[in-house]
C-alpha atoms as a PDB file:
ATOM      1  CA  ASP A   1      -1.025  12.113 -13.949  1.00  0.00           C
ATOM      2  CA  HIS A   2      -1.241  12.385 -10.178  1.00  0.00           C
ATOM      3  CA  ARG A   3      -4.867  13.156  -9.414  1.00  0.00           C
ATOM      4  CA  THR A   4      -5.970  12.824  -5.838  1.00  0.00           C
ATOM      5  CA  TYR A   5      -9.389  11.362  -5.169  1.00  0.00           C
ATOM      6  CA  VAL A   6     -11.166  13.516  -2.617  1.00  0.00           C
ATOM      7  CA  ALA A   7     -14.502  12.439  -1.207  1.00  0.00           C
ATOM      8  CA  ALA A   8     -16.821  14.163   1.186  1.00  0.00           C
ATOM      9  CA  GLY A   9     -16.593  11.179   3.541  1.00  0.00           C
ATOM     10  CA  GLY A  10     -19.223   9.253   1.620  1.00  0.00           C
ATOM     11  CA  GLU A  11     -17.075   6.685  -0.156  1.00  0.00           C
ATOM     12  CA  LYS A  12     -17.958   3.060   0.499  1.00  0.00           C
ATOM     13  CA  PHE A  13     -14.414   1.728  -0.022  1.00  0.00           C
ATOM     14  CA  LYS A  14     -10.807   2.694  -0.752  1.00  0.00           C
ATOM     15  CA  LYS A  15      -8.513   0.956  -3.206  1.00  0.00           C
ATOM     16  CA  LEU A  16      -4.835   0.841  -2.218  1.00  0.00           C
ATOM     17  CA  HIS A  17      -1.573  -0.329  -3.773  1.00  0.00           C
ATOM     18  CA  VAL A  18       0.712  -1.709  -1.048  1.00  0.00           C
ATOM     19  CA  TYR A  19       4.390  -2.610  -1.447  1.00  0.00           C
ATOM     20  CA  ARG A  20       6.428  -4.796   0.892  1.00  0.00           C
ATOM     21  CA  ASN A  21       8.990  -2.723   2.771  1.00  0.00           C
ATOM     22  CA  GLY A  22      12.379  -3.025   1.073  1.00  0.00           C
ATOM     23  CA  ASP A  23      11.053  -4.959  -1.940  1.00  0.00           C
ATOM     24  CA  PRO A  24      10.828  -2.726  -5.031  1.00  0.00           C
ATOM     25  CA  LEU A  25      10.948  -5.709  -7.422  1.00  0.00           C
ATOM     26  CA  THR A  26       7.562  -7.123  -6.471  1.00  0.00           C
ATOM     27  CA  LEU A  27       4.409  -5.474  -7.767  1.00  0.00           C
ATOM     28  CA  PRO A  28       2.267  -3.967  -5.038  1.00  0.00           C
ATOM     29  CA  ALA A  29      -0.758  -5.813  -3.727  1.00  0.00           C
ATOM     30  CA  LYS A  30      -4.057  -4.269  -4.780  1.00  0.00           C
ATOM     31  CA  ILE A  31      -6.267  -4.008  -1.721  1.00  0.00           C
ATOM     32  CA  ILE A  32      -9.853  -2.834  -1.393  1.00  0.00           C
ATOM     33  CA  LEU A  33     -10.961  -1.761   2.062  1.00  0.00           C
ATOM     34  CA  VAL A  34     -14.632  -1.228   2.853  1.00  0.00           C
ATOM     35  CA  LYS A  35     -15.798   1.647   5.012  1.00  0.00           C
ATOM     36  CA  PRO A  36     -16.397  -0.383   8.233  1.00  0.00           C
ATOM     37  CA  THR A  37     -12.832  -1.742   8.011  1.00  0.00           C
ATOM     38  CA  LEU A  38     -11.406   1.760   7.514  1.00  0.00           C
ATOM     39  CA  GLN A  39     -12.858   2.857  10.839  1.00  0.00           C
ATOM     40  CA  ASN A  40     -10.615   0.462  12.822  1.00  0.00           C
ATOM     41  CA  TRP A  41      -6.855   0.712  12.224  1.00  0.00           C
ATOM     42  CA  GLU A  42      -6.187  -2.843  13.485  1.00  0.00           C
ATOM     43  CA  SER A  43      -8.723  -4.123  10.933  1.00  0.00           C
ATOM     44  CA  VAL A  44      -6.959  -2.162   8.186  1.00  0.00           C
ATOM     45  CA  LEU A  45      -3.604  -3.737   9.104  1.00  0.00           C
ATOM     46  CA  ASP A  46      -5.223  -7.210   9.307  1.00  0.00           C
ATOM     47  CA  GLU A  47      -6.663  -6.859   5.790  1.00  0.00           C
ATOM     48  CA  ILE A  48      -3.312  -5.683   4.426  1.00  0.00           C
ATOM     49  CA  THR A  49      -1.581  -8.634   6.163  1.00  0.00           C
ATOM     50  CA  LYS A  50      -3.890 -11.023   4.272  1.00  0.00           C
ATOM     51  CA  LYS A  51      -2.712  -9.630   0.912  1.00  0.00           C
ATOM     52  CA  VAL A  52       0.900  -8.650   1.603  1.00  0.00           C
ATOM     53  CA  SER A  53       3.014 -11.498   2.887  1.00  0.00           C
ATOM     54  CA  LEU A  54       5.935 -10.257   4.920  1.00  0.00           C
ATOM     55  CA  ALA A  55       8.812 -12.625   5.666  1.00  0.00           C
ATOM     56  CA  SER A  56       8.292 -13.228   9.367  1.00  0.00           C
ATOM     57  CA  THR A  57       5.469 -11.124  10.745  1.00  0.00           C
ATOM     58  CA  ALA A  58       2.099  -9.527  10.241  1.00  0.00           C
ATOM     59  CA  VAL A  59       1.830  -5.996   8.888  1.00  0.00           C
ATOM     60  CA  LEU A  60       2.326  -3.836  11.961  1.00  0.00           C
ATOM     61  CA  LYS A  61       3.064  -0.503  10.272  1.00  0.00           C
ATOM     62  CA  LEU A  62       1.919   1.236   7.126  1.00  0.00           C
ATOM     63  CA  TYR A  63       3.919   4.063   5.606  1.00  0.00           C
ATOM     64  CA  SER A  64       3.254   6.654   2.926  1.00  0.00           C
ATOM     65  CA  MET A  65       5.653   6.503  -0.016  1.00  0.00           C
ATOM     66  CA  ASN A  66       7.755   9.276   1.536  1.00  0.00           C
ATOM     67  CA  GLY A  67       8.133   7.394   4.831  1.00  0.00           C
ATOM     68  CA  ASP A  68       5.459   8.969   7.016  1.00  0.00           C
ATOM     69  CA  LEU A  69       3.985   6.459   9.481  1.00  0.00           C
ATOM     70  CA  LEU A  70       0.210   6.212   9.099  1.00  0.00           C
ATOM     71  CA  THR A  71      -2.051   5.577  12.072  1.00  0.00           C
ATOM     72  CA  SER A  72      -5.610   5.911  10.777  1.00  0.00           C
ATOM     73  CA  GLY A  73      -7.808   4.770   7.897  1.00  0.00           C
ATOM     74  CA  GLN A  74      -8.737   8.421   7.394  1.00  0.00           C
ATOM     75  CA  GLN A  75      -5.167   9.084   6.199  1.00  0.00           C
ATOM     76  CA  LEU A  76      -5.546   6.662   3.292  1.00  0.00           C
ATOM     77  CA  GLU A  77      -6.291   8.051  -0.161  1.00  0.00           C
ATOM     78  CA  TYR A  78      -8.279   6.294  -2.859  1.00  0.00           C
ATOM     79  CA  ASN A  79      -5.829   4.646  -5.290  1.00  0.00           C
ATOM     80  CA  GLY A  80      -2.982   5.611  -2.951  1.00  0.00           C
ATOM     81  CA  MET A  81       0.358   3.816  -2.784  1.00  0.00           C
ATOM     82  CA  TYR A  82       1.791   2.662   0.540  1.00  0.00           C
ATOM     83  CA  VAL A  83       4.553   0.516   2.055  1.00  0.00           C
ATOM     84  CA  ALA A  84       3.743  -2.260   4.550  1.00  0.00           C
ATOM     85  CA  ALA A  85       6.253  -3.191   7.259  1.00  0.00           C
ATOM     86  CA  GLY A  86       6.541  -5.382  10.316  1.00  0.00           C
ATOM     87  CA  LYS A  87       8.627  -4.070  13.224  1.00  0.00           C
ATOM     88  CA  GLU A  88      11.364  -2.663  10.979  1.00  0.00           C
ATOM     89  CA  ARG A  89      11.764   0.960   9.957  1.00  0.00           C
ATOM     90  CA  PHE A  90      10.702   2.282   6.568  1.00  0.00           C
ATOM     91  CA  LYS A  91      13.243   1.477   3.837  1.00  0.00           C
ATOM     92  CA  ARG A  92      13.541   4.452   1.514  1.00  0.00           C
ATOM     93  CA  LEU A  93      13.868   2.906  -1.944  1.00  0.00           C
ATOM     94  CA  GLU A  94      12.670   3.699  -5.448  1.00  0.00           C
ATOM     95  CA  TYR A  95       9.420   1.740  -5.510  1.00  0.00           C
ATOM     96  CA  PRO A  96       8.023   1.596  -9.059  1.00  0.00           C
ATOM     97  CA  ASP A  97       4.804   3.426  -9.846  1.00  0.00           C
ATOM     98  CA  ALA A  98       2.052   0.800  -9.575  1.00  0.00           C
ATOM     99  CA  LYS A  99      -0.020   2.529 -12.242  1.00  0.00           C
ATOM    100  CA  SER A 100       2.762   2.214 -14.844  1.00  0.00           C
ATOM    101  CA  PHE A 101       2.587  -1.599 -15.019  1.00  0.00           C
ATOM    102  CA  SER A 102       0.048  -3.589 -16.942  1.00  0.00           C
ATOM    103  CA  ALA A 103      -1.425  -6.784 -15.542  1.00  0.00           C
ATOM    104  CA  ASN A 104       1.016  -8.854 -17.617  1.00  0.00           C
ATOM    105  CA  SER A 105       4.232  -6.982 -16.865  1.00  0.00           C
ATOM    106  CA  SER A 106       6.658  -7.229 -14.001  1.00  0.00           C
ATOM    107  CA  PRO A 107       9.300  -4.719 -12.897  1.00  0.00           C
ATOM    108  CA  LYS A 108      11.793  -7.620 -12.864  1.00  0.00           C
ATOM    109  CA  MET A 109      11.164  -8.182 -16.578  1.00  0.00           C
ATOM    110  CA  SER A 110      11.041  -4.556 -17.689  1.00  0.00           C
ATOM    111  CA  ARG A 111      14.174  -3.214 -16.031  1.00  0.00           C
ATOM    112  CA  LYS A 112      17.086  -2.539 -18.326  1.00  0.00           C
ATOM    113  CA  SER A 113      20.686  -2.893 -17.144  1.00  0.00           C
END
């Protein structure tokens, strides 16, 4: 079920699921961004940095799941899934669907060899 939440610009926040670039085995961070934060891209990246710990840097880039570089809070969709990166390029991997995991499961535990 891939419904897209569309608002007439009146939403007070957006909920995101953000993966670490190149790390499909870690569940995505769930991040809620309030409207004032969404209006400043640097603030968006700062909030994501607080929740998504990258190895050696702050979150400097945010990508859509297909690798498009995002540059504005207006591009973010409610309940959308994204990939956070530092200076490196987007790593095209099979990131698991965040909505398919329960709070008690982990992709590391549920993968079958």
